Amino acid sequence: MPLRPTENLNIDSFELMPSPDTIKSREPLTETAAQTVTAARATLRRILDREDRRLFAIVGPCSIHDPVAGIDYAQRLKRLADELSDTLVLVMRVYFEKPRTSTGWKGYINDPRMDDSFRIEEGMGKARRFLLDVAELGLPAATEALDPIAPQYLGDLIAWTAIGARTSESQTHREMASGLSTPVGFKNATDGDLGIAINAILSASHPHCFLGINGEGRSAIIRTRGNRYGHVVLRGGGGRPNYDSVSVALAEQALAKVSLPQNLVIDCSHANSFKNPEYQPLVLQNVVNQIRDGNRSIVGVMLESHIAAGSQPIPKDLSQLQYGRSVTDACIDWATTETALSKASDLLRNILADRG
């Protein structure tokens, strides 16, 4: 009597994915891109170590879906970054993966054609090409690490990494973060729980051993050294913001209690703006005022921004997509972004030198 099958009962098919080394050979790291990434990581580490008193800002679209508009945005952000470099270190938000609680577009890597065809090989190659183009401009990139395999394909082009509110509690993502080459921001949970992010920082700071893949795409036992540049991202939650001075003070106390550096990044979007992009500049203004009033713990901010304001659904006819407008969370437009960051820079310019 033949054995009954007991595995892969809900698997339709297996398709071979090119290895990280193969994808990288098609879109190889250039010297200019490497210099951009290396310099940005070093700068961010200096900010977290309080050797550089500037603020860093993770700024860009909620997600990348159109590389042409994305590079248009990157060129604008690079010009602004150069103008404000005495006070702000601008890093482009380049998110290719979108966590979903139920259904919806999963992002550029998963579904680059936006038609549920899920050409992941194509998406990974195009995502790497986009990151190279951004780095070639001299502009560093930040992303959210969602799929634990993706950093093997793209990690050499990333300067700062976020672990999202839904995954900061995940052992898999804490282990992955312990081996990432970038500083890592852990967001508080969607219900506002800060302890999850703090525990994640503690976990990721230690060495770990877990299963993954190597550059050849083979299963590997990955042994990490631990990442000491984890920090908290306050994004609000549980129906209320947490960027106010009281919430910031409580976060400082919670970090001090476990002997962690009091480094905080304020996400001006998500629950901190009640998902209304028009409030993001107001959150940024509040953060700047806290720094002017003597705050020492806020080291960075995040803004969701695109060329056009708001968001749009993904139409069946993709030719109807509006240029430079988000297809996921609503964003502020470029003019608002430029004004908000320039104003923040002006207000911070004369006080950062005295900031401890």
Protein backbone atom coordinates (compact mmCIF):
# COMPACT_ATOMS: atom_id res chain seq x y z
CA MET A 1 0.00 0.00 0.00
CA PRO A 2 1.59 3.34 -1.05
CA LEU A 3 2.21 5.96 1.62
CA ARG A 4 -0.27 8.79 1.74
CA PRO A 5 1.22 12.22 0.98
CA THR A 6 1.55 14.31 4.12
CA GLU A 7 3.32 17.47 2.95
CA ASN A 8 2.79 20.39 0.56
CA LEU A 9 -0.92 19.63 0.43
CA ASN A 10 -1.78 23.29 -0.09
CA ILE A 11 1.16 24.11 -2.35
CA ASP A 12 0.28 24.62 -6.00
CA SER A 13 3.84 24.77 -7.31
CA PHE A 14 7.47 25.54 -6.57
CA GLU A 15 9.31 27.95 -8.87
CA LEU A 16 13.05 28.43 -8.68
CA MET A 17 14.15 31.91 -7.61
CA PRO A 18 17.53 33.21 -8.84
CA SER A 19 20.05 33.34 -6.03
CA PRO A 20 21.11 36.64 -4.44
CA ASP A 21 24.47 36.33 -6.19
CA THR A 22 22.72 35.95 -9.55
CA ILE A 23 20.49 38.99 -9.05
CA LYS A 24 23.50 41.00 -7.86
CA SER A 25 25.52 39.97 -10.90
CA ARG A 26 22.78 41.37 -13.13
CA GLU A 27 22.67 44.65 -11.18
CA PRO A 28 26.11 44.90 -9.56
CA LEU A 29 27.07 47.32 -6.83
CA THR A 30 29.03 50.27 -8.20
CA GLU A 31 31.75 52.24 -6.46
CA THR A 32 29.55 55.35 -6.31
CA ALA A 33 26.65 53.42 -4.81
CA ALA A 34 28.92 51.74 -2.28
CA GLN A 35 30.32 55.10 -1.19
CA THR A 36 26.81 56.50 -0.77
CA VAL A 37 25.69 53.58 1.39
CA THR A 38 28.87 53.37 3.46
CA ALA A 39 28.99 57.10 4.17
CA ALA A 40 25.31 57.27 5.11
CA ARG A 41 25.52 54.33 7.50
CA ALA A 42 28.54 55.90 9.19
CA THR A 43 26.71 59.22 9.53
CA LEU A 44 23.63 57.59 11.02
CA ARG A 45 25.77 55.69 13.51
CA ARG A 46 27.47 58.94 14.50
CA ILE A 47 24.08 60.57 15.06
CA LEU A 48 23.00 57.65 17.26
CA ASP A 49 26.32 57.88 19.14
CA ARG A 50 25.81 61.67 19.55
CA GLU A 51 28.96 62.45 17.63
CA ASP A 52 26.92 64.20 14.93
CA ARG A 53 24.26 66.52 16.26
CA ARG A 54 22.16 66.75 13.13
CA LEU A 55 18.75 65.14 12.86
CA PHE A 56 18.12 62.42 10.29
CA ALA A 57 14.86 62.31 8.35
CA ILE A 58 13.49 59.26 6.54
CA VAL A 59 11.39 60.85 3.80
CA GLY A 60 9.61 59.40 0.80
CA PRO A 61 6.62 57.55 -0.61
CA CYS A 62 4.63 55.08 1.46
CA SER A 63 5.63 52.56 -1.21
CA ILE A 64 7.38 52.48 -4.57
CA HIS A 65 5.19 51.42 -7.48
CA ASP A 66 6.43 53.56 -10.38
CA PRO A 67 10.24 53.73 -10.69
CA VAL A 68 10.07 56.73 -13.04
CA ALA A 69 8.16 58.83 -10.51
CA GLY A 70 10.34 57.37 -7.77
CA ILE A 71 13.54 58.61 -9.39
CA ASP A 72 11.90 61.98 -10.10
CA TYR A 73 11.19 62.19 -6.37
CA ALA A 74 14.72 61.04 -5.48
CA GLN A 75 16.26 63.78 -7.62
CA ARG A 76 14.16 66.41 -5.85
CA LEU A 77 15.04 64.99 -2.44
CA LYS A 78 18.75 64.92 -3.29
CA ARG A 79 18.69 68.63 -4.16
CA LEU A 80 16.91 69.39 -0.89
CA ALA A 81 19.29 67.14 1.06
CA ASP A 82 22.24 69.15 -0.21
CA GLU A 83 20.56 72.44 0.74
CA LEU A 84 19.73 71.33 4.30
CA SER A 85 22.81 69.21 5.00
CA ASP A 86 24.06 71.47 7.80
CA THR A 87 21.09 70.48 9.98
CA LEU A 88 19.33 67.45 8.47
CA VAL A 89 20.51 64.16 6.97
CA LEU A 90 17.85 63.16 4.46
CA VAL A 91 17.40 59.48 3.62
CA MET A 92 14.84 58.39 1.03
CA ARG A 93 12.13 56.06 2.19
CA VAL A 94 12.16 53.20 -0.35
CA TYR A 95 9.58 50.60 0.66
CA PHE A 96 9.04 47.64 -1.65
CA GLU A 97 7.15 45.33 0.72
CA LYS A 98 3.79 46.08 2.34
CA PRO A 99 2.51 44.08 5.31
CA ARG A 100 -1.15 43.15 4.97
CA THR A 101 -3.57 42.22 7.74
CA SER A 102 -5.92 40.68 5.16
CA THR A 103 -5.53 41.38 1.44
CA GLY A 104 -4.20 44.09 -0.84
CA TRP A 105 -1.23 44.89 -3.04
CA LYS A 106 1.85 43.41 -1.37
CA GLY A 107 4.35 45.74 -2.98
CA TYR A 108 6.74 46.15 -5.88
CA ILE A 109 8.85 43.05 -5.20
CA ASN A 110 5.88 40.73 -4.81
CA ASP A 111 3.77 42.07 -7.66
CA PRO A 112 5.73 44.52 -9.83
CA ARG A 113 3.11 44.51 -12.60
CA MET A 114 0.30 45.27 -10.13
CA ASP A 115 -1.93 42.65 -11.71
CA ASP A 116 -1.69 39.72 -9.26
CA SER A 117 0.81 37.96 -11.52
CA PHE A 118 3.39 37.90 -8.69
CA ARG A 119 6.55 38.01 -10.83
CA ILE A 120 8.80 38.05 -7.79
CA GLU A 121 12.00 37.41 -9.74
CA GLU A 122 11.24 40.43 -11.91
CA GLY A 123 10.28 42.52 -8.90
CA MET A 124 13.47 41.73 -7.02
CA GLY A 125 15.62 42.66 -10.00
CA LYS A 126 13.74 45.91 -10.60
CA ALA A 127 13.86 46.79 -6.90
CA ARG A 128 17.63 46.35 -6.89
CA ARG A 129 17.96 48.45 -10.05
CA PHE A 130 15.91 51.22 -8.41
CA LEU A 131 18.06 51.22 -5.27
CA LEU A 132 21.19 51.40 -7.41
CA ASP A 133 19.79 54.38 -9.31
CA VAL A 134 19.00 56.18 -6.05
CA ALA A 135 22.44 55.45 -4.59
CA GLU A 136 24.10 56.61 -7.82
CA LEU A 137 22.50 60.02 -7.18
CA GLY A 138 24.36 60.15 -3.88
CA LEU A 139 21.12 59.75 -1.93
CA PRO A 140 20.93 57.01 0.75
CA ALA A 141 17.88 54.76 1.04
CA ALA A 142 15.87 53.34 3.92
CA THR A 143 13.46 50.43 3.81
CA GLU A 144 11.33 48.14 5.94
CA ALA A 145 12.66 44.60 6.30
CA LEU A 146 9.62 42.37 5.99
CA ASP A 147 10.68 39.22 4.14
CA PRO A 148 13.67 37.70 5.98
CA ILE A 149 15.28 36.56 2.70
CA ALA A 150 15.09 39.93 0.88
CA PRO A 151 18.11 41.52 2.67
CA GLN A 152 20.37 38.97 0.98
CA TYR A 153 19.30 40.49 -2.35
CA LEU A 154 19.13 44.17 -1.42
CA GLY A 155 20.85 44.76 1.91
CA ASP A 156 24.08 46.10 0.41
CA LEU A 157 22.14 49.11 -0.91
CA ILE A 158 20.31 50.08 2.30
CA ALA A 159 21.50 52.68 4.83
CA TRP A 160 18.71 52.42 7.46
CA THR A 161 16.17 49.71 8.16
CA ALA A 162 12.79 49.74 9.89
CA ILE A 163 11.15 46.79 11.58
CA GLY A 164 7.43 47.51 11.43
CA ALA A 165 4.80 47.69 14.13
CA ARG A 166 3.43 44.28 13.14
CA THR A 167 6.81 42.55 13.14
CA SER A 168 8.80 44.10 16.01
CA GLU A 169 7.48 41.28 18.21
CA SER A 170 8.52 38.60 15.72
CA GLN A 171 11.47 36.43 16.74
CA THR A 172 12.32 35.99 13.07
CA HIS A 173 12.67 39.74 12.52
CA ARG A 174 14.61 40.30 15.73
CA GLU A 175 17.08 37.62 14.68
CA MET A 176 17.30 39.08 11.19
CA ALA A 177 17.91 42.58 12.61
CA SER A 178 20.79 41.26 14.69
CA GLY A 179 22.65 40.56 11.45
CA LEU A 180 21.71 43.59 9.37
CA SER A 181 24.52 45.95 8.38
CA THR A 182 22.43 49.08 9.04
CA PRO A 183 21.07 50.87 12.08
CA VAL A 184 17.58 49.48 12.75
CA GLY A 185 14.51 51.35 13.98
CA PHE A 186 11.93 49.19 15.78
CA LYS A 187 8.42 50.60 15.79
CA ASN A 188 6.15 50.35 18.79
CA ALA A 189 3.24 47.94 18.35
CA THR A 190 -0.01 48.96 16.64
CA ASP A 191 -1.70 49.09 20.05
CA GLY A 192 0.96 51.55 21.25
CA ASP A 193 2.91 49.03 23.34
CA LEU A 194 6.47 50.34 23.67
CA GLY A 195 7.81 47.32 25.51
CA ILE A 196 7.74 45.24 22.34
CA ALA A 197 10.13 47.62 20.56
CA ILE A 198 12.45 47.82 23.56
CA ASN A 199 12.58 44.04 23.89
CA ALA A 200 13.31 43.85 20.18
CA ILE A 201 16.29 46.21 20.55
CA LEU A 202 17.64 44.12 23.42
CA SER A 203 17.18 40.90 21.48
CA ALA A 204 18.73 42.22 18.25
CA SER A 205 21.76 43.55 20.12
CA HIS A 206 22.80 39.98 20.94
CA PRO A 207 24.22 37.29 18.63
CA HIS A 208 21.72 34.86 17.12
CA CYS A 209 21.77 31.66 15.10
CA PHE A 210 18.98 30.84 12.65
CA LEU A 211 18.15 29.31 9.28
CA GLY A 212 18.38 31.43 6.13
CA ILE A 213 20.03 31.44 2.72
CA ASN A 214 23.50 32.41 1.57
CA GLY A 215 24.53 34.29 -1.56
CA GLU A 216 24.24 31.13 -3.62
CA GLY A 217 20.63 30.70 -2.51
CA ARG A 218 21.41 27.60 -0.48
CA SER A 219 19.97 26.93 2.95
CA ALA A 220 22.45 28.12 5.55
CA ILE A 221 22.89 28.42 9.28
CA ILE A 222 23.34 32.15 9.84
CA ARG A 223 25.31 33.21 12.91
CA THR A 224 25.12 36.93 13.70
CA ARG A 225 27.22 39.24 15.85
CA GLY A 226 24.36 41.38 17.14
CA ASN A 227 23.43 44.91 16.13
CA ARG A 228 24.05 47.63 18.70
CA TYR A 229 22.39 50.36 16.67
CA GLY A 230 18.78 49.44 17.35
CA HIS A 231 16.51 52.28 18.42
CA VAL A 232 12.81 53.03 18.99
CA VAL A 233 10.46 54.54 16.43
CA LEU A 234 7.38 56.13 18.01
CA ARG A 235 4.52 55.82 15.51
CA GLY A 236 1.50 56.14 17.79
CA GLY A 237 -0.99 53.37 18.34
CA GLY A 238 -4.06 52.25 20.21
CA GLY A 239 -6.03 55.20 18.89
CA ARG A 240 -3.68 57.95 20.02
CA PRO A 241 -0.39 59.63 19.08
CA ASN A 242 2.78 59.24 21.13
CA TYR A 243 5.01 62.02 19.82
CA ASP A 244 4.06 64.51 22.58
CA SER A 245 6.58 65.49 25.24
CA VAL A 246 4.99 63.28 27.91
CA SER A 247 5.09 60.20 25.68
CA VAL A 248 8.67 61.01 24.73
CA ALA A 249 9.65 61.35 28.40
CA LEU A 250 8.04 57.99 29.21
CA ALA A 251 9.92 56.38 26.33
CA GLU A 252 13.18 57.87 27.62
CA GLN A 253 12.51 56.43 31.08
CA ALA A 254 11.68 53.00 29.66
CA LEU A 255 14.95 52.92 27.69
CA ALA A 256 16.99 54.14 30.66
CA LYS A 257 15.46 51.44 32.86
CA VAL A 258 17.08 48.74 30.73
CA SER A 259 20.30 50.73 30.14
CA LEU A 260 19.65 51.41 26.45
CA PRO A 261 20.65 54.66 24.73
CA GLN A 262 17.80 57.17 24.74
CA ASN A 263 17.51 57.39 20.96
CA LEU A 264 14.05 58.07 19.55
CA VAL A 265 12.74 58.54 16.03
CA ILE A 266 9.32 60.11 15.58
CA ASP A 267 7.17 58.77 12.74
CA CYS A 268 5.08 61.77 11.77
CA SER A 269 2.64 59.53 9.89
CA HIS A 270 0.52 56.51 10.86
CA ALA A 271 -1.26 56.86 14.21
CA ASN A 272 0.75 59.96 15.10
CA SER A 273 -1.12 61.84 12.38
CA PHE A 274 -4.32 59.77 12.65
CA LYS A 275 -3.42 58.64 9.09
CA ASN A 276 -4.23 62.13 7.85
CA PRO A 277 -1.20 63.31 5.85
CA GLU A 278 -2.13 66.95 6.36
CA TYR A 279 -1.18 66.59 10.03
CA GLN A 280 2.37 65.39 9.36
CA PRO A 281 3.88 68.90 9.15
CA LEU A 282 2.18 69.72 12.47
CA VAL A 283 3.76 66.68 14.09
CA LEU A 284 7.14 67.69 12.69
CA GLN A 285 6.68 71.20 14.03
CA ASN A 286 5.92 69.81 17.48
CA VAL A 287 9.03 67.64 17.38
CA VAL A 288 11.19 70.61 16.37
CA ASN A 289 9.71 72.64 19.23
CA GLN A 290 10.58 69.88 21.69
CA ILE A 291 14.18 69.94 20.49
CA ARG A 292 14.28 73.72 20.75
CA ASP A 293 12.93 73.38 24.30
CA GLY A 294 15.84 71.15 25.25
CA ASN A 295 14.95 67.58 24.22
CA ARG A 296 18.05 65.41 23.82
CA SER A 297 16.57 62.04 22.84
CA ILE A 298 14.92 62.68 19.47
CA VAL A 299 17.46 61.85 16.78
CA GLY A 300 15.26 61.42 13.72
CA VAL A 301 11.86 61.75 12.09
CA MET A 302 9.92 59.96 9.37
CA LEU A 303 7.59 61.50 6.75
CA GLU A 304 5.41 59.86 4.11
CA SER A 305 5.73 62.08 1.08
CA HIS A 306 5.34 61.85 -2.68
CA ILE A 307 5.18 64.21 -5.66
CA ALA A 308 1.37 64.51 -5.50
CA ALA A 309 -0.75 64.59 -2.35
CA GLY A 310 -3.10 61.88 -1.16
CA SER A 311 -3.48 58.35 -2.50
CA GLN A 312 -5.26 56.48 -5.26
CA PRO A 313 -6.70 52.99 -5.77
CA ILE A 314 -4.97 50.73 -8.27
CA PRO A 315 -7.10 50.77 -11.43
CA LYS A 316 -7.52 47.77 -13.72
CA ASP A 317 -6.18 49.95 -16.52
CA LEU A 318 -2.78 50.95 -15.16
CA SER A 319 -2.50 53.71 -17.75
CA GLN A 320 -5.03 55.57 -15.59
CA LEU A 321 -2.63 55.78 -12.64
CA GLN A 322 -1.98 59.37 -11.59
CA TYR A 323 1.70 60.26 -11.76
CA GLY A 324 3.54 60.57 -8.46
CA ARG A 325 0.58 59.70 -6.22
CA SER A 326 0.72 56.88 -3.67
CA VAL A 327 -1.21 53.65 -4.19
CA THR A 328 -0.96 52.76 -0.50
CA ASP A 329 -1.10 55.25 2.41
CA ALA A 330 -1.83 58.87 1.58
CA CYS A 331 1.20 61.19 1.47
CA ILE A 332 1.92 64.90 1.62
CA ASP A 333 2.97 66.43 -1.71
CA TRP A 334 6.44 67.62 -2.66
CA ALA A 335 5.79 71.32 -2.07
CA THR A 336 4.54 70.59 1.46
CA THR A 337 7.52 68.33 2.10
CA GLU A 338 10.02 70.93 0.96
CA THR A 339 8.39 73.66 3.04
CA ALA A 340 8.12 71.54 6.19
CA LEU A 341 11.72 70.31 6.09
CA SER A 342 13.14 73.73 5.20
CA LYS A 343 11.24 75.31 8.07
CA ALA A 344 12.46 72.62 10.46
CA SER A 345 16.03 73.19 9.28
CA ASP A 346 15.76 76.94 9.84
CA LEU A 347 14.42 76.46 13.36
CA LEU A 348 17.12 73.97 14.28
CA ARG A 349 20.12 75.65 12.67
CA ASN A 350 21.22 77.77 15.63
CA ILE A 351 20.57 75.27 18.42
CA LEU A 352 21.98 71.93 17.29
CA ALA A 353 25.56 72.88 18.14
CA ASP A 354 24.61 73.12 21.82
CA ARG A 355 22.63 69.88 21.84
CA GLY A 356 24.15 67.10 23.93
